[in-house]
Amino acid sequence: MGHGVRHPADLVAWRRWHESRHPVRGAARAVRSRLRPPAPGTAELLTPGPDADLLVAVEATHASVSNAVVAPLAHLDPARTTIVAPAGWQPPEAYAAHARRTIGLGELTGLVGHRAVLAAGHYTEIGAAAFALAEEHDLGYFVSQHGALTPFAPPLPRAAHLLAWSQRDGEFWTSGRQDVEVTVAGSQLLWRAGLGVDTGAGRPARPATSLVYLGQGHAAEISRARLARAALATCREHHAVYRPHPSERDAVSRAVLAAYARAGITVDTSGVPLIDLEAPIVSVFSTGVLEAAARGRDAWVDFPRPPAWLGEFWERYGMHRLADTPTPAPDRTDLEPARRIAEILTEAVS
């Protein structure tokens, strides 16, 4: 397989692949849509007034998207920034006075006066609506990278401007594309994880605690059976505690977790935020490994007979195998990535 994403420009093909990895969920959705056609998507539009010339699309409320597109809001001019977000999303204090209304996502193309869009992609409903606005009015569409990239990442929009974590990520995501501009902005997620952390050799030793396995049973990139067997083997061999991903809530996931418990593996359901976890961690390809390393904690990856793409992923992000020394902290930029992103956007609309 070549170096880069498998679907470099075809969003339809990527969605087809993604659905194929969740056949039960896809079948249920198809039945529901036949019985009751889905209502057109809606979102909330937060507008400051007539001076707005930048649209920020908040496609989801989880931490990775918040770091990619919400964190830059602190460094943007609220009077110039419109936000489209899921229902109930709460903006930073500086945006609390924005007028707020629910709109159909199809209405977004009717916005006028904007000159650029910031989003995490165009593969979600909100991201697609924001991209339609950019296409309709010939606006710059900036994509802020929100997670570590596998070959199964969704394609970038046409003529997008990618704000990448690193030069290598930029080259990886744009491989086979000539229409995408890349600027390295860094990762706000990892920058924030490393705040105030001394990752030097002089850090105090921590009391030995059980290794924690960050579950990824929800991941589409590797079969669930292989992921489950790998987790079982590692947890048994290293007496690790299994910490399910928040998405591991469906019936199959619950059955797998019950099987782990029967096998004598402790399943951590405490819900302690990852950032507060003091234990050493291991996972297959979770960004949490890099977050832990950025905080100066011991972190590794592990998977038997890894596919070629996974080995390349580990190498690109500097992740170390469990038998090796811990994963080193990622390089940290002097300038906060959220501030860098805001500078790029402000320059684009100036």
Foldseek 3Di string as FASTA:
>chain_A
DDQAAPCAADQVVLVVLVCVLVVVVNVVVVVVCVVPNDDFDKWKKFAQDDQAAEEEEQQDDDDLSCQQTQLLVVQADLNHYMYTYHPPDDHPPNRNPTDMDMDGLCCLLVDDRYAEYEGQACNGSRSVSRVVNCVSVVHAYEHGHRFQDFSSDRHHHFLHEYAAQDPSSVCRSNPVHDRYHYDHLHGLLLQVLQPPADLDPPDDDDPADAEEEEQDCVDSPDRNVQSLVFVLVVCVVRVYAYEYDPVLPDPVSVVSVVVSVVVVHHHDPPPDDLSPDQHEYEYAQHCSLQSCQSNNHFYAYDGPPDDPRSVVSCVVQQGHHPVDGGRHHGDHDPDNSSNVVNVVVVVSSD
